[in-house]
Amino acid sequence: MKIDKSEERIRNIHEDLLSVYGDQDSHDDSDGVRQLLITILSQNVADENTARASENLFNDFKDYKAIEEASIDQVADSINPAGLPETKAQRIQRTLKALREETGSYSVDFLGKMEDSEAQDWLEDIKGIGPKTASVLLNFHFDADVMPVDTHVERIAKRFRLIPFSASNGKAHELLNEAVPHEIKNSLHMLMIEHGKKNCTARNPTCQETRLKKYCSRNKLVENGDLTPEEYPPEE
């Protein structure tokens, strides 16, 4: 299958997403460690549950040292709304330990002095931190030239034929990072999440109600009667 990496097409998609959803660009210059922990909590869970778990975590423990030194059960109980509490508690404590051992404190500032790929590798060396979690911190906190790819972004990129349907999440990160211009990575990521939540849903999407339908291979197949709403487009 030919991968359409046309910068003009990607920019057109970005402009049409902007026209539908408005400016979503959002860089976070606040506490990077807090952002990283929240991103870990957000893995495979709804936003409202992430918010509840985050609020609990930062209210229940006075600082990062207390979170690292607490028992797994204590942290897990605090973050229970986020799901997989024991697993995420271990990831959080491993992350805090790695930061402390690297810097002598709890800071991510050193990552901003690295090459983007080096910083990505450092984060992904922590068990439980994958490309998406690392990319969120690096892009949002440091404006690094990396694009986070969550389930919404991956689904839309495949339906818009930006990447193959067979691409793994890791491959999706690689291909989209190569294809999407740096200055719109953050905005496009946020806009695709909006589109994925509001229209380009996994089942029964309503993309035909927006101007984005012209990019969507799935929508074209449904319109032609070649695909039912429950099916996924075949590999070309």
Foldseek 3Di string as FASTA:
>chain_A
DDAPLDQVVVVVLLVQLCVVPNFPFAADQPALLLLLLLLLLQPPADPVLSVQLSVQQCVVAPDLVRLLPDDLVVSLVSSVSSPPSSVSSVLSNLLQVLCCVVPVHRGPVVLLVDQLVVSQVSQPVRPSDDNQSSQCSCCRNNLHLFAHADPLNVLVCCQLRNDWPPDDNVRVRVSCSVRHDSVCRSRVNRSSVVCCVQAVDLAPGNCVVGPSLVRGNQSVCVVVVNDDRNDDDDTD
